[in-house]
Amino acid sequence: MDSQTTPIFLRFGGAKKTIFEMSEEEVDSAATSILRRAKEKAFSRGRPILFAKDGKVYEEWPNGNIIERN
């Protein structure tokens, strides 16, 4: 699968509080929502999401494949 270099930007907002005013549960809920929206937007275009874990960068593709990025 070819990676495209043009990022997909999410527009978020609408929160009634800043992150500094949120409880840990509210921050977790917001993060989960942002991740879900990022996956929906990227996967609907056949694009991966990128994430880091243990100092390595990975791509998660719509078909569920997760590969380490070099």
Protein backbone atom coordinates (compact mmCIF):
# COMPACT_ATOMS: atom_id res chain seq x y z
CA MET A 1 0.00 0.00 0.00
CA ASP A 2 1.37 3.38 -0.95
CA SER A 3 1.47 6.01 1.76
CA GLN A 4 0.37 9.47 0.79
CA THR A 5 2.12 12.41 2.38
CA THR A 6 -0.83 14.83 2.40
CA PRO A 7 -2.26 14.83 5.92
CA ILE A 8 -5.95 14.68 6.70
CA PHE A 9 -6.83 17.42 9.16
CA LEU A 10 -9.57 17.05 11.72
CA ARG A 11 -11.47 20.06 12.85
CA PHE A 12 -12.41 19.68 16.40
CA GLY A 13 -13.95 21.95 18.89
CA GLY A 14 -17.20 22.45 20.59
CA ALA A 15 -15.84 21.46 23.99
CA LYS A 16 -17.38 23.43 26.79
CA LYS A 17 -14.15 23.26 28.82
CA THR A 18 -10.46 23.57 28.09
CA ILE A 19 -8.30 20.49 28.60
CA PHE A 20 -6.98 22.10 31.79
CA GLU A 21 -10.49 22.22 33.25
CA MET A 22 -11.41 18.63 32.35
CA SER A 23 -11.32 15.69 34.70
CA GLU A 24 -9.24 12.66 33.75
CA GLU A 25 -12.41 10.86 32.63
CA GLU A 26 -13.42 13.79 30.41
CA VAL A 27 -9.95 13.92 28.82
CA ASP A 28 -10.08 10.15 28.17
CA SER A 29 -13.53 10.49 26.62
CA ALA A 30 -12.39 13.38 24.38
CA ALA A 31 -9.28 11.45 23.29
CA THR A 32 -11.38 8.39 22.43
CA SER A 33 -13.76 10.55 20.40
CA ILE A 34 -10.89 12.23 18.51
CA LEU A 35 -9.28 8.86 17.73
CA ARG A 36 -12.60 7.46 16.49
CA ARG A 37 -13.14 10.47 14.21
CA ALA A 38 -9.57 10.30 12.89
CA LYS A 39 -9.98 6.62 12.03
CA GLU A 40 -13.35 7.21 10.37
CA LYS A 41 -12.02 10.04 8.22
CA ALA A 42 -8.74 8.35 7.24
CA PHE A 43 -10.18 4.87 6.72
CA SER A 44 -13.07 6.19 4.60
CA ARG A 45 -10.40 7.46 2.20
CA GLY A 46 -8.37 4.26 2.32
CA ARG A 47 -5.61 5.97 4.29
CA PRO A 48 -3.83 4.83 7.47
CA ILE A 49 -3.60 6.52 10.82
CA LEU A 50 -0.14 6.85 12.33
CA PHE A 51 0.69 6.33 15.97
CA ALA A 52 3.77 5.88 18.12
CA LYS A 53 4.37 3.15 20.66
CA ASP A 54 7.57 2.35 22.52
CA GLY A 55 9.50 4.87 20.43
CA LYS A 56 8.42 3.38 17.09
CA VAL A 57 5.96 4.74 14.54
CA TYR A 58 3.23 2.50 13.13
CA GLU A 59 0.57 2.75 10.43
CA GLU A 60 -2.87 1.25 11.04
CA TRP A 61 -4.73 0.58 7.78
CA PRO A 62 -8.49 0.26 7.19
CA ASN A 63 -8.16 -3.53 6.77
CA GLY A 64 -6.72 -3.83 10.29
CA ASN A 65 -3.09 -4.30 9.25
CA ILE A 66 -0.60 -2.54 11.51
CA ILE A 67 2.91 -2.10 10.14
CA GLU A 68 6.00 -0.44 11.51
CA ARG A 69 7.02 2.63 9.56
CA ASN A 70 10.68 3.02 8.68
